[in-house]
Amino acid sequence: MSSINIAIDGPAGAGKSTVAKGIAKKLGYIYVDTGALYRAIGVFALRKGINTKDADGVSAVLKDITVELKFVDGVQKVFLCGEDVSIEIRTPEASMAASNVSAIPAVRAFLLDLQRDIAKKNNCLMDGRDIGTVVLPDAQIKIFMTADVEERAMRRYKELQEKGINDSYEQVLEEMKERDYQDSNRPIAPLKPAEDSVIFDSTGHTLEQSIDELSALIGEKI
């Protein structure tokens, strides 16, 4: 029997990861945060002093990188060359680096097989920017999750505050607008809804409301 795959795409701060984790837990599926993979490559480039927009520079070091997703007590951990970088990849610098390296074709090709292999072997819920359009075009269920940019920026601002990162709300909002533009306008796999995806606007929703509504929707389709 083939595995069931659910794709959730959308811009930064839409609540994809938290909602996806909640739904995966309810369904007993594996949750795969593909953005974490790009963040890991971005962190590797930053550590090496490589400009994350330098396609040739980043492509040249891919052969030196191993990225693994391990599920520890149901929680996804990200290992870069054997080191757990699950916390380091969540900084604003890693976020922007991820956006930069994700526009590089060689990076996308490098990670594509890894993502598809996980989906082939497991019932999984995978989130990212191009899961429904590129990575898992045959996913049984596709959702495009969005929200107003001001609300997304406020969510991200509060997350960073909780982690002790004191960027201003205005700074977070500008970075989010920049990331939205970059993700939507890159020539390779731009951020956009798949033609057969369900659009879900989480503006004004609590996380619990989003999880409940999407769980019900997915339940109907499965």
Protein backbone atom coordinates (compact mmCIF):
# COMPACT_ATOMS: atom_id res chain seq x y z
CA MET A 1 0.00 0.00 0.00
CA SER A 2 1.41 3.38 -0.97
CA SER A 3 1.99 6.02 1.67
CA ILE A 4 -0.31 9.00 2.21
CA ASN A 5 1.36 12.38 1.70
CA ILE A 6 -0.03 15.76 2.70
CA ALA A 7 1.66 18.90 1.33
CA ILE A 8 1.37 22.25 3.13
CA ASP A 9 2.91 25.26 1.41
CA GLY A 10 2.85 28.95 2.23
CA PRO A 11 4.91 32.02 3.10
CA ALA A 12 7.05 32.55 6.20
CA GLY A 13 5.11 32.99 9.43
CA ALA A 14 1.82 31.56 8.15
CA GLY A 15 1.94 28.99 10.97
CA LYS A 16 2.68 26.05 8.65
CA SER A 17 5.18 24.28 10.87
CA THR A 18 3.27 24.50 14.15
CA VAL A 19 -0.04 23.58 12.52
CA ALA A 20 1.57 20.77 10.51
CA LYS A 21 3.15 19.32 13.67
CA GLY A 22 -0.21 19.39 15.43
CA ILE A 23 -2.03 17.67 12.56
CA ALA A 24 0.73 15.07 12.11
CA LYS A 25 0.50 14.22 15.82
CA LYS A 26 -3.28 13.76 15.55
CA LEU A 27 -2.93 11.53 12.49
CA GLY A 28 0.12 9.62 13.70
CA TYR A 29 2.08 10.75 10.61
CA ILE A 30 5.70 11.87 10.37
CA TYR A 31 6.10 15.65 10.10
CA VAL A 32 8.78 16.88 7.71
CA ASP A 33 9.89 20.53 7.87
CA THR A 34 11.68 20.96 4.55
CA GLY A 35 12.61 24.56 5.35
CA ALA A 36 14.92 23.15 8.04
CA LEU A 37 16.94 21.40 5.33
CA TYR A 38 17.52 24.65 3.45
CA ARG A 39 18.32 26.42 6.70
CA ALA A 40 20.99 23.78 7.43
CA ILE A 41 22.66 24.39 4.07
CA GLY A 42 22.44 28.14 4.67
CA VAL A 43 24.12 27.71 8.07
CA PHE A 44 26.89 25.61 6.50
CA ALA A 45 27.56 28.36 3.93
CA LEU A 46 27.55 31.07 6.62
CA ARG A 47 30.01 29.07 8.73
CA LYS A 48 32.32 28.77 5.71
CA GLY A 49 32.10 32.49 4.99
CA ILE A 50 30.37 31.91 1.65
CA ASN A 51 27.91 34.50 0.33
CA THR A 52 24.61 32.60 0.39
CA LYS A 53 23.59 34.28 -2.90
CA ASP A 54 26.77 32.98 -4.60
CA ALA A 55 25.36 30.02 -6.56
CA ASP A 56 28.79 28.74 -7.65
CA GLY A 57 30.26 29.07 -4.16
CA VAL A 58 27.38 27.28 -2.46
CA SER A 59 27.13 24.60 -5.17
CA ALA A 60 30.86 23.84 -4.82
CA VAL A 61 30.53 22.85 -1.14
CA LEU A 62 27.41 20.66 -1.45
CA LYS A 63 29.68 17.62 -1.81
CA ASP A 64 30.96 18.33 1.73
CA ILE A 65 27.49 18.47 3.30
CA THR A 66 25.38 15.74 4.85
CA VAL A 67 21.96 16.74 6.12
CA GLU A 68 19.81 14.27 8.04
CA LEU A 69 16.38 14.43 9.59
CA LYS A 70 16.05 12.24 12.66
CA PHE A 71 12.85 11.76 14.59
CA VAL A 72 13.52 11.64 18.33
CA ASP A 73 10.39 10.86 20.38
CA GLY A 74 8.34 12.09 17.42
CA VAL A 75 10.24 15.40 17.26
CA GLN A 76 12.20 16.27 14.13
CA LYS A 77 15.89 17.03 14.72
CA VAL A 78 18.19 18.35 12.02
CA PHE A 79 21.76 17.11 11.81
CA LEU A 80 24.37 18.90 9.70
CA CYS A 81 27.48 16.80 9.12
CA GLY A 82 26.56 14.81 12.25
CA GLU A 83 25.94 17.86 14.47
CA ASP A 84 22.49 18.69 15.85
CA VAL A 85 21.79 22.21 14.52
CA SER A 86 18.07 22.26 15.34
CA ILE A 87 18.41 25.46 17.41
CA GLU A 88 21.05 27.27 15.32
CA ILE A 89 18.95 27.05 12.14
CA ARG A 90 16.13 29.11 13.72
CA THR A 91 17.95 32.47 13.82
CA PRO A 92 16.92 35.34 11.48
CA GLU A 93 20.31 35.01 9.73
CA ALA A 94 19.64 31.34 9.01
CA SER A 95 16.17 32.22 7.73
CA MET A 96 17.51 34.71 5.17
CA ALA A 97 20.34 32.33 4.23
CA ALA A 98 17.74 29.61 3.61
CA SER A 99 15.80 31.90 1.29
CA ASN A 100 19.00 32.69 -0.62
CA VAL A 101 20.27 29.13 -1.04
CA SER A 102 16.79 27.83 -1.92
CA ALA A 103 16.96 29.88 -5.13
CA ILE A 104 20.01 27.86 -6.26
CA PRO A 105 19.05 24.96 -8.60
CA ALA A 106 21.88 22.71 -7.39
CA VAL A 107 20.69 23.03 -3.78
CA ARG A 108 17.11 22.16 -4.71
CA ALA A 109 18.27 19.12 -6.68
CA PHE A 110 20.53 18.07 -3.78
CA LEU A 111 17.57 17.99 -1.35
CA LEU A 112 14.83 16.76 -3.68
CA ASP A 113 15.69 13.05 -3.50
CA LEU A 114 15.99 13.18 0.30
CA GLN A 115 12.53 14.73 0.64
CA ARG A 116 10.89 12.34 -1.83
CA ASP A 117 12.52 9.32 -0.22
CA ILE A 118 11.05 10.22 3.18
CA ALA A 119 7.60 10.67 1.62
CA LYS A 120 7.82 7.38 -0.26
CA LYS A 121 8.58 5.40 2.90
CA ASN A 122 6.21 7.12 5.36
CA ASN A 123 2.74 8.54 5.78
CA CYS A 124 3.89 12.12 6.17
CA LEU A 125 2.89 15.72 6.34
CA MET A 126 5.50 17.87 4.62
CA ASP A 127 5.61 21.66 4.65
CA GLY A 128 7.62 24.16 2.67
CA ARG A 129 7.38 26.52 -0.30
CA ASP A 130 7.07 24.13 -3.25
CA ILE A 131 5.92 20.79 -1.83
CA GLY A 132 2.64 20.60 -3.73
CA THR A 133 4.04 22.12 -6.92
CA VAL A 134 7.47 20.44 -7.22
CA VAL A 135 8.52 18.05 -4.44
CA LEU A 136 5.33 15.98 -4.09
CA PRO A 137 3.13 16.89 -7.07
CA ASP A 138 1.17 13.65 -6.54
CA ALA A 139 0.42 14.29 -2.85
CA GLN A 140 -3.12 13.20 -2.06
CA ILE A 141 -3.87 16.44 -0.21
CA LYS A 142 -2.38 19.89 -0.88
CA ILE A 143 -2.93 22.96 1.27
CA PHE A 144 -1.67 26.50 0.74
CA MET A 145 -1.63 28.29 4.07
CA THR A 146 -1.35 32.06 4.25
CA ALA A 147 -2.13 35.10 6.46
CA ASP A 148 -1.75 38.88 6.38
CA VAL A 149 1.93 39.85 6.39
CA GLU A 150 1.52 42.09 9.48
CA GLU A 151 0.03 39.19 11.46
CA ARG A 152 2.72 36.81 10.22
CA ALA A 153 5.42 39.28 11.25
CA MET A 154 3.88 39.66 14.72
CA ARG A 155 3.83 35.87 15.18
CA ARG A 156 7.49 35.63 14.17
CA TYR A 157 8.40 38.63 16.37
CA LYS A 158 6.82 36.92 19.41
CA GLU A 159 8.63 33.64 18.60
CA LEU A 160 11.98 35.45 18.47
CA GLN A 161 11.25 37.31 21.73
CA GLU A 162 10.59 33.98 23.45
CA LYS A 163 13.98 32.75 22.21
CA GLY A 164 15.73 35.87 23.53
CA ILE A 165 16.29 37.40 20.07
CA ASN A 166 15.44 41.10 20.42
CA ASP A 167 14.85 42.21 16.84
CA SER A 168 12.23 44.97 16.57
CA TYR A 169 8.79 44.25 15.09
CA GLU A 170 9.55 46.71 12.26
CA GLN A 171 12.76 44.84 11.43
CA VAL A 172 10.95 41.48 11.42
CA LEU A 173 8.19 42.90 9.18
CA GLU A 174 10.69 44.28 6.65
CA GLU A 175 12.63 40.98 6.59
CA MET A 176 9.38 39.07 6.06
CA LYS A 177 8.31 41.32 3.17
CA GLU A 178 11.76 40.86 1.63
CA ARG A 179 11.54 37.09 2.05
CA ASP A 180 8.02 36.99 0.56
CA TYR A 181 9.24 38.87 -2.50
CA GLN A 182 12.32 36.72 -2.87
CA ASP A 183 10.44 33.42 -2.45
CA SER A 184 7.65 34.41 -4.85
CA ASN A 185 9.86 35.84 -7.58
CA ARG A 186 12.72 33.35 -7.80
CA PRO A 187 12.97 31.65 -11.20
CA ILE A 188 13.24 28.14 -9.70
CA ALA A 189 10.16 26.73 -7.92
CA PRO A 190 8.63 30.06 -6.83
CA LEU A 191 6.20 30.16 -3.91
CA LYS A 192 2.67 29.74 -5.30
CA PRO A 193 -0.36 27.52 -4.65
CA ALA A 194 -0.62 24.27 -6.61
CA GLU A 195 -3.61 24.32 -8.96
CA ASP A 196 -5.35 21.61 -6.94
CA SER A 197 -4.53 22.98 -3.48
CA VAL A 198 -6.98 24.21 -0.85
CA ILE A 199 -6.26 27.84 0.14
CA PHE A 200 -6.41 28.34 3.91
CA ASP A 201 -6.12 31.87 5.34
CA SER A 202 -5.13 31.71 9.01
CA THR A 203 -5.50 35.47 9.65
CA GLY A 204 -7.27 35.92 13.00
CA HIS A 205 -7.10 32.21 13.81
CA THR A 206 -5.49 30.76 16.90
CA LEU A 207 -3.16 27.84 16.24
CA GLU A 208 -5.73 25.51 17.81
CA GLN A 209 -8.45 26.76 15.45
CA SER A 210 -6.20 26.27 12.42
CA ILE A 211 -5.23 22.75 13.54
CA ASP A 212 -8.86 21.79 14.19
CA GLU A 213 -10.17 23.20 10.88
CA LEU A 214 -7.43 21.66 8.75
CA SER A 215 -7.58 18.33 10.60
CA ALA A 216 -11.31 18.16 9.83
CA LEU A 217 -10.68 19.04 6.17
CA ILE A 218 -7.94 16.43 5.85
CA GLY A 219 -10.08 13.84 7.63
CA GLU A 220 -12.84 14.31 5.05
CA LYS A 221 -10.42 13.90 2.14
CA ILE A 222 -8.60 10.85 3.55
